[in-house]
PDB file of all heavy atoms in Angstrom:
ATOM      1  N   SER A   1      -0.761  12.037   3.115  1.00  0.00           N
ATOM      2  CA  SER A   1      -1.541  13.190   2.683  1.00  0.00           C
ATOM      3  C   SER A   1      -0.587  14.340   2.447  1.00  0.00           C
ATOM      4  O   SER A   1       0.308  14.603   3.248  1.00  0.00           O
ATOM      5  CB  SER A   1      -2.561  13.578   3.748  1.00  0.00           C
ATOM      6  OG  SER A   1      -3.168  14.794   3.409  1.00  0.00           O
ATOM      7  N   ALA A   2      -0.756  15.008   1.317  1.00  0.00           N
ATOM      8  CA  ALA A   2       0.119  16.132   0.980  1.00  0.00           C
ATOM      9  C   ALA A   2      -0.666  17.429   0.988  1.00  0.00           C
ATOM     10  O   ALA A   2      -0.512  18.286   0.139  1.00  0.00           O
ATOM     11  CB  ALA A   2       0.754  15.910  -0.396  1.00  0.00           C
ATOM     12  N   SER A   3      -1.540  17.570   1.981  1.00  0.00           N
ATOM     13  CA  SER A   3      -2.474  18.695   2.006  1.00  0.00           C
ATOM     14  C   SER A   3      -1.783  20.043   2.119  1.00  0.00           C
ATOM     15  O   SER A   3      -2.342  21.065   1.771  1.00  0.00           O
ATOM     16  CB  SER A   3      -3.459  18.525   3.163  1.00  0.00           C
ATOM     17  OG  SER A   3      -2.765  18.435   4.386  1.00  0.00           O
ATOM     18  N   THR A   4      -0.539  20.069   2.615  1.00  0.00           N
ATOM     19  CA  THR A   4       0.158  21.337   2.752  1.00  0.00           C
ATOM     20  C   THR A   4       1.001  21.661   1.527  1.00  0.00           C
ATOM     21  O   THR A   4       1.650  22.690   1.463  1.00  0.00           O
ATOM     22  CB  THR A   4       1.073  21.305   3.988  1.00  0.00           C
ATOM     23  OG1 THR A   4       2.012  20.232   3.844  1.00  0.00           O
ATOM     24  CG2 THR A   4       0.258  21.105   5.256  1.00  0.00           C
ATOM     25  N   CYS A   5       0.972  20.771   0.560  1.00  0.00           N
ATOM     26  CA  CYS A   5       1.804  20.938  -0.630  1.00  0.00           C
ATOM     27  C   CYS A   5       1.014  21.679  -1.705  1.00  0.00           C
ATOM     28  O   CYS A   5      -0.192  21.554  -1.803  1.00  0.00           O
ATOM     29  CB  CYS A   5       2.241  19.564  -1.135  1.00  0.00           C
ATOM     30  SG  CYS A   5       3.144  19.598  -2.681  1.00  0.00           S
ATOM     31  N   ASN A   6       1.718  22.455  -2.541  1.00  0.00           N
ATOM     32  CA  ASN A   6       1.060  23.200  -3.613  1.00  0.00           C
ATOM     33  C   ASN A   6       1.220  22.525  -4.972  1.00  0.00           C
ATOM     34  O   ASN A   6       1.006  23.144  -6.000  1.00  0.00           O
ATOM     35  CB  ASN A   6       1.635  24.620  -3.684  1.00  0.00           C
ATOM     36  CG  ASN A   6       1.250  25.436  -2.464  1.00  0.00           C
ATOM     37  OD1 ASN A   6       0.127  25.362  -1.986  1.00  0.00           O
ATOM     38  ND2 ASN A   6       2.193  26.214  -1.951  1.00  0.00           N
ATOM     39  N   ALA A   7       1.627  21.265  -4.961  1.00  0.00           N
ATOM     40  CA  ALA A   7       1.814  20.533  -6.212  1.00  0.00           C
ATOM     41  C   ALA A   7       0.475  20.376  -6.932  1.00  0.00           C
ATOM     42  O   ALA A   7      -0.577  20.353  -6.296  1.00  0.00           O
ATOM     43  CB  ALA A   7       2.420  19.166  -5.931  1.00  0.00           C
ATOM     44  N   PRO A   8       0.506  20.257  -8.285  1.00  0.00           N
ATOM     45  CA  PRO A   8      -0.744  20.142  -9.041  1.00  0.00           C
ATOM     46  C   PRO A   8      -1.335  18.743  -9.008  1.00  0.00           C
ATOM     47  O   PRO A   8      -2.371  18.506  -9.609  1.00  0.00           O
ATOM     48  CB  PRO A   8      -0.320  20.516 -10.458  1.00  0.00           C
ATOM     49  CG  PRO A   8       1.108  20.075 -10.541  1.00  0.00           C
ATOM     50  CD  PRO A   8       1.683  20.322  -9.167  1.00  0.00           C
ATOM     51  N   TRP A   9      -0.689  17.804  -8.321  1.00  0.00           N
ATOM     52  CA  TRP A   9      -1.146  16.424  -8.340  1.00  0.00           C
ATOM     53  C   TRP A   9      -2.138  16.159  -7.224  1.00  0.00           C
ATOM     54  O   TRP A   9      -1.941  16.562  -6.080  1.00  0.00           O
ATOM     55  CB  TRP A   9       0.044  15.466  -8.212  1.00  0.00           C
ATOM     56  CG  TRP A   9       1.111  15.729  -9.218  1.00  0.00           C
ATOM     57  CD1 TRP A   9       2.365  16.237  -8.987  1.00  0.00           C
ATOM     58  CD2 TRP A   9       1.023  15.539 -10.630  1.00  0.00           C
ATOM     59  NE1 TRP A   9       3.045  16.364 -10.155  1.00  0.00           N
ATOM     60  CE2 TRP A   9       2.253  15.946 -11.194  1.00  0.00           C
ATOM     61  CE3 TRP A   9       0.022  15.060 -11.478  1.00  0.00           C
ATOM     62  CZ2 TRP A   9       2.513  15.882 -12.554  1.00  0.00           C
ATOM     63  CZ3 TRP A   9       0.278  15.005 -12.838  1.00  0.00           C
ATOM     64  CH2 TRP A   9       1.498  15.407 -13.359  1.00  0.00           C
ATOM     65  N   ALA A  10      -3.202  15.416  -7.560  1.00  0.00           N
ATOM     66  CA  ALA A  10      -4.159  14.987  -6.546  1.00  0.00           C
ATOM     67  C   ALA A  10      -3.755  13.644  -5.953  1.00  0.00           C
ATOM     68  O   ALA A  10      -3.859  13.420  -4.757  1.00  0.00           O
ATOM     69  CB  ALA A  10      -5.555  14.888  -7.150  1.00  0.00           C
ATOM     70  N   VAL A  11      -3.284  12.740  -6.823  1.00  0.00           N
ATOM     71  CA  VAL A  11      -2.868  11.402  -6.389  1.00  0.00           C
ATOM     72  C   VAL A  11      -1.620  11.001  -7.153  1.00  0.00           C
ATOM     73  O   VAL A  11      -1.576  11.128  -8.382  1.00  0.00           O
ATOM     74  CB  VAL A  11      -3.971  10.345  -6.648  1.00  0.00           C
ATOM     75  CG1 VAL A  11      -3.503   8.959  -6.188  1.00  0.00           C
ATOM     76  CG2 VAL A  11      -5.269  10.727  -5.967  1.00  0.00           C
ATOM     77  N   THR A  12      -0.606  10.532  -6.437  1.00  0.00           N
ATOM     78  CA  THR A  12       0.575   9.960  -7.092  1.00  0.00           C
ATOM     79  C   THR A  12       0.898   8.628  -6.434  1.00  0.00           C
ATOM     80  O   THR A  12       0.746   8.461  -5.222  1.00  0.00           O
ATOM     81  CB  THR A  12       1.803  10.890  -6.999  1.00  0.00           C
ATOM     82  OG1 THR A  12       2.120  11.114  -5.617  1.00  0.00           O
ATOM     83  CG2 THR A  12       1.539  12.210  -7.690  1.00  0.00           C
ATOM     84  N   ALA A  13       1.349   7.689  -7.251  1.00  0.00           N
ATOM     85  CA  ALA A  13       1.786   6.381  -6.769  1.00  0.00           C
ATOM     86  C   ALA A  13       3.195   6.139  -7.278  1.00  0.00           C
ATOM     87  O   ALA A  13       3.447   6.234  -8.482  1.00  0.00           O
ATOM     88  CB  ALA A  13       0.843   5.286  -7.266  1.00  0.00           C
ATOM     89  N   ASN A  14       4.090   5.838  -6.363  1.00  0.00           N
ATOM     90  CA  ASN A  14       5.497   5.628  -6.715  1.00  0.00           C
ATOM     91  C   ASN A  14       5.937   4.233  -6.284  1.00  0.00           C
ATOM     92  O   ASN A  14       6.101   3.965  -5.095  1.00  0.00           O
ATOM     93  CB  ASN A  14       6.388   6.671  -6.027  1.00  0.00           C
ATOM     94  CG  ASN A  14       6.053   8.086  -6.434  1.00  0.00           C
ATOM     95  OD1 ASN A  14       5.721   8.345  -7.588  1.00  0.00           O
ATOM     96  ND2 ASN A  14       6.111   9.015  -5.491  1.00  0.00           N
ATOM     97  N   GLY A  15       6.068   3.339  -7.260  1.00  0.00           N
ATOM     98  CA  GLY A  15       6.529   1.988  -6.982  1.00  0.00           C
ATOM     99  C   GLY A  15       5.653   1.227  -6.006  1.00  0.00           C
ATOM    100  O   GLY A  15       6.150   0.430  -5.199  1.00  0.00           O
ATOM    101  N   VAL A  16       4.357   1.422  -6.101  1.00  0.00           N
ATOM    102  CA  VAL A  16       3.446   0.837  -5.113  1.00  0.00           C
ATOM    103  C   VAL A  16       3.273  -0.665  -5.345  1.00  0.00           C
ATOM    104  O   VAL A  16       3.017  -1.120  -6.463  1.00  0.00           O
ATOM    105  CB  VAL A  16       2.075   1.539  -5.166  1.00  0.00           C
ATOM    106  CG1 VAL A  16       1.044   0.771  -4.339  1.00  0.00           C
ATOM    107  CG2 VAL A  16       2.197   2.967  -4.652  1.00  0.00           C
ATOM    108  N   GLU A  17       3.418  -1.410  -4.261  1.00  0.00           N
ATOM    109  CA  GLU A  17       3.165  -2.838  -4.276  1.00  0.00           C
ATOM    110  C   GLU A  17       2.322  -3.188  -3.054  1.00  0.00           C
ATOM    111  O   GLU A  17       2.429  -2.556  -2.008  1.00  0.00           O
ATOM    112  CB  GLU A  17       4.476  -3.630  -4.242  1.00  0.00           C
ATOM    113  CG  GLU A  17       5.352  -3.342  -5.448  1.00  0.00           C
ATOM    114  CD  GLU A  17       6.642  -4.159  -5.462  1.00  0.00           C
ATOM    115  OE1 GLU A  17       6.923  -4.858  -4.458  1.00  0.00           O
ATOM    116  OE2 GLU A  17       7.357  -4.091  -6.472  1.00  0.00           O
ATOM    117  N   ARG A  18       1.481  -4.197  -3.232  1.00  0.00           N
ATOM    118  CA  ARG A  18       0.688  -4.687  -2.100  1.00  0.00           C
ATOM    119  C   ARG A  18       0.693  -6.206  -2.151  1.00  0.00           C
ATOM    120  O   ARG A  18       0.259  -6.809  -3.135  1.00  0.00           O
ATOM    121  CB  ARG A  18      -0.738  -4.154  -2.154  1.00  0.00           C
ATOM    122  CG  ARG A  18      -1.643  -4.734  -1.074  1.00  0.00           C
ATOM    123  CD  ARG A  18      -1.239  -4.356   0.345  1.00  0.00           C
ATOM    124  NE  ARG A  18      -1.923  -5.199   1.324  1.00  0.00           N
ATOM    125  CZ  ARG A  18      -1.940  -4.974   2.632  1.00  0.00           C
ATOM    126  NH1 ARG A  18      -1.328  -3.908   3.117  1.00  0.00           N
ATOM    127  NH2 ARG A  18      -2.563  -5.790   3.449  1.00  0.00           N
ATOM    128  N   LYS A  19       1.215  -6.809  -1.098  1.00  0.00           N
ATOM    129  CA  LYS A  19       1.356  -8.256  -1.019  1.00  0.00           C
ATOM    130  C   LYS A  19       0.408  -8.796   0.040  1.00  0.00           C
ATOM    131  O   LYS A  19       0.229  -8.202   1.095  1.00  0.00           O
ATOM    132  CB  LYS A  19       2.810  -8.602  -0.677  1.00  0.00           C
ATOM    133  CG  LYS A  19       3.119 -10.076  -0.684  1.00  0.00           C
ATOM    134  CD  LYS A  19       4.625 -10.340  -0.719  1.00  0.00           C
ATOM    135  CE  LYS A  19       5.345  -9.730   0.467  1.00  0.00           C
ATOM    136  NZ  LYS A  19       6.777 -10.126   0.495  1.00  0.00           N
ATOM    137  N   PHE A  20      -0.192  -9.942  -0.248  1.00  0.00           N
ATOM    138  CA  PHE A  20      -1.064 -10.619   0.697  1.00  0.00           C
ATOM    139  C   PHE A  20      -0.543 -12.025   0.954  1.00  0.00           C
ATOM    140  O   PHE A  20       0.167 -12.605   0.119  1.00  0.00           O
ATOM    141  CB  PHE A  20      -2.500 -10.712   0.166  1.00  0.00           C
ATOM    142  CG  PHE A  20      -3.207  -9.398   0.094  1.00  0.00           C
ATOM    143  CD1 PHE A  20      -3.295  -8.698  -1.114  1.00  0.00           C
ATOM    144  CD2 PHE A  20      -3.781  -8.832   1.207  1.00  0.00           C
ATOM    145  CE1 PHE A  20      -3.947  -7.490  -1.198  1.00  0.00           C
ATOM    146  CE2 PHE A  20      -4.447  -7.608   1.140  1.00  0.00           C
ATOM    147  CZ  PHE A  20      -4.524  -6.948  -0.059  1.00  0.00           C
ATOM    148  N   SER A  21      -0.909 -12.569   2.089  1.00  0.00           N
ATOM    149  CA  SER A  21      -0.519 -13.940   2.436  1.00  0.00           C
ATOM    150  C   SER A  21      -1.674 -14.892   2.200  1.00  0.00           C
ATOM    151  O   SER A  21      -2.831 -14.570   2.483  1.00  0.00           O
ATOM    152  CB  SER A  21      -0.106 -14.022   3.909  1.00  0.00           C
ATOM    153  OG  SER A  21       1.051 -13.269   4.145  1.00  0.00           O
ATOM    154  N   ARG A  22      -1.345 -16.046   1.656  1.00  0.00           N
ATOM    155  CA  ARG A  22      -2.303 -17.151   1.583  1.00  0.00           C
ATOM    156  C   ARG A  22      -1.794 -18.212   2.540  1.00  0.00           C
ATOM    157  O   ARG A  22      -0.888 -18.977   2.210  1.00  0.00           O
ATOM    158  CB  ARG A  22      -2.381 -17.718   0.163  1.00  0.00           C
ATOM    159  CG  ARG A  22      -3.220 -16.928  -0.791  1.00  0.00           C
ATOM    160  CD  ARG A  22      -3.510 -17.735  -2.039  1.00  0.00           C
ATOM    161  NE  ARG A  22      -2.300 -17.946  -2.815  1.00  0.00           N
ATOM    162  CZ  ARG A  22      -2.064 -17.359  -3.989  1.00  0.00           C
ATOM    163  NH1 ARG A  22      -2.943 -16.520  -4.485  1.00  0.00           N
ATOM    164  NH2 ARG A  22      -0.951 -17.602  -4.641  1.00  0.00           N
ATOM    165  N   ARG A  23      -2.379 -18.262   3.728  1.00  0.00           N
ATOM    166  CA  ARG A  23      -1.862 -19.168   4.747  1.00  0.00           C
ATOM    167  C   ARG A  23      -2.678 -20.454   4.801  1.00  0.00           C
ATOM    168  O   ARG A  23      -3.884 -20.445   4.563  1.00  0.00           O
ATOM    169  CB  ARG A  23      -1.861 -18.498   6.119  1.00  0.00           C
ATOM    170  CG  ARG A  23      -0.888 -17.329   6.171  1.00  0.00           C
ATOM    171  CD  ARG A  23      -0.433 -17.093   7.584  1.00  0.00           C
ATOM    172  NE  ARG A  23       0.617 -16.082   7.615  1.00  0.00           N
ATOM    173  CZ  ARG A  23       1.905 -16.348   7.505  1.00  0.00           C
ATOM    174  NH1 ARG A  23       2.311 -17.595   7.333  1.00  0.00           N
ATOM    175  NH2 ARG A  23       2.796 -15.379   7.551  1.00  0.00           N
ATOM    176  N   SER A  24      -2.001 -21.497   5.134  1.00  0.00           N
ATOM    177  CA  SER A  24      -2.663 -22.787   5.301  1.00  0.00           C
ATOM    178  C   SER A  24      -3.674 -22.697   6.441  1.00  0.00           C
ATOM    179  O   SER A  24      -3.443 -22.003   7.428  1.00  0.00           O
ATOM    180  CB  SER A  24      -1.629 -23.856   5.635  1.00  0.00           C
ATOM    181  OG  SER A  24      -2.249 -25.018   6.137  1.00  0.00           O
ATOM    182  N   PRO A  25      -4.789 -23.404   6.336  1.00  0.00           N
ATOM    183  CA  PRO A  25      -5.741 -23.415   7.444  1.00  0.00           C
ATOM    184  C   PRO A  25      -5.204 -24.165   8.659  1.00  0.00           C
ATOM    185  O   PRO A  25      -5.761 -24.077   9.735  1.00  0.00           O
ATOM    186  CB  PRO A  25      -6.966 -24.133   6.853  1.00  0.00           C
ATOM    187  CG  PRO A  25      -6.421 -24.976   5.755  1.00  0.00           C
ATOM    188  CD  PRO A  25      -5.271 -24.186   5.192  1.00  0.00           C
ATOM    189  N   HIS A  26      -4.098 -24.921   8.484  1.00  0.00           N
ATOM    190  CA  HIS A  26      -3.520 -25.651   9.603  1.00  0.00           C
ATOM    191  C   HIS A  26      -2.790 -24.695  10.535  1.00  0.00           C
ATOM    192  O   HIS A  26      -2.440 -23.577  10.174  1.00  0.00           O
ATOM    193  CB  HIS A  26      -2.552 -26.726   9.090  1.00  0.00           C
ATOM    194  CG  HIS A  26      -3.190 -27.678   8.129  1.00  0.00           C
ATOM    195  ND1 HIS A  26      -4.153 -28.573   8.507  1.00  0.00           N
ATOM    196  CD2 HIS A  26      -3.003 -27.846   6.801  1.00  0.00           C
ATOM    197  CE1 HIS A  26      -4.523 -29.285   7.450  1.00  0.00           C
ATOM    198  NE2 HIS A  26      -3.848 -28.861   6.407  1.00  0.00           N
ATOM    199  N   GLY A  27      -2.499 -25.154  11.723  1.00  0.00           N
ATOM    200  CA  GLY A  27      -1.890 -24.313  12.736  1.00  0.00           C
ATOM    201  C   GLY A  27      -0.420 -24.065  12.506  1.00  0.00           C
ATOM    202  O   GLY A  27       0.226 -24.640  11.621  1.00  0.00           O
ATOM    203  N   THR A  28       0.140 -23.205  13.361  1.00  0.00           N
ATOM    204  CA  THR A  28       1.546 -22.832  13.268  1.00  0.00           C
ATOM    205  C   THR A  28       2.453 -24.035  13.438  1.00  0.00           C
ATOM    206  O   THR A  28       3.456 -24.177  12.735  1.00  0.00           O
ATOM    207  CB  THR A  28       1.876 -21.772  14.332  1.00  0.00           C
ATOM    208  OG1 THR A  28       1.019 -20.672  14.157  1.00  0.00           O
ATOM    209  CG2 THR A  28       3.321 -21.319  14.222  1.00  0.00           C
ATOM    210  N   ALA A  29       2.112 -24.941  14.361  1.00  0.00           N
ATOM    211  CA  ALA A  29       2.950 -26.115  14.600  1.00  0.00           C
ATOM    212  C   ALA A  29       3.007 -26.998  13.360  1.00  0.00           C
ATOM    213  O   ALA A  29       4.069 -27.520  12.998  1.00  0.00           O
ATOM    214  CB  ALA A  29       2.404 -26.907  15.787  1.00  0.00           C
TER     215      ALA A  29
END
């Protein structure tokens, strides 16, 4: 949150990535 900033931007995204895992239903072993 940049609530203390006086910049004119409401939302900025810089190099945003979001990765998820697809894991096997089998156990760790």
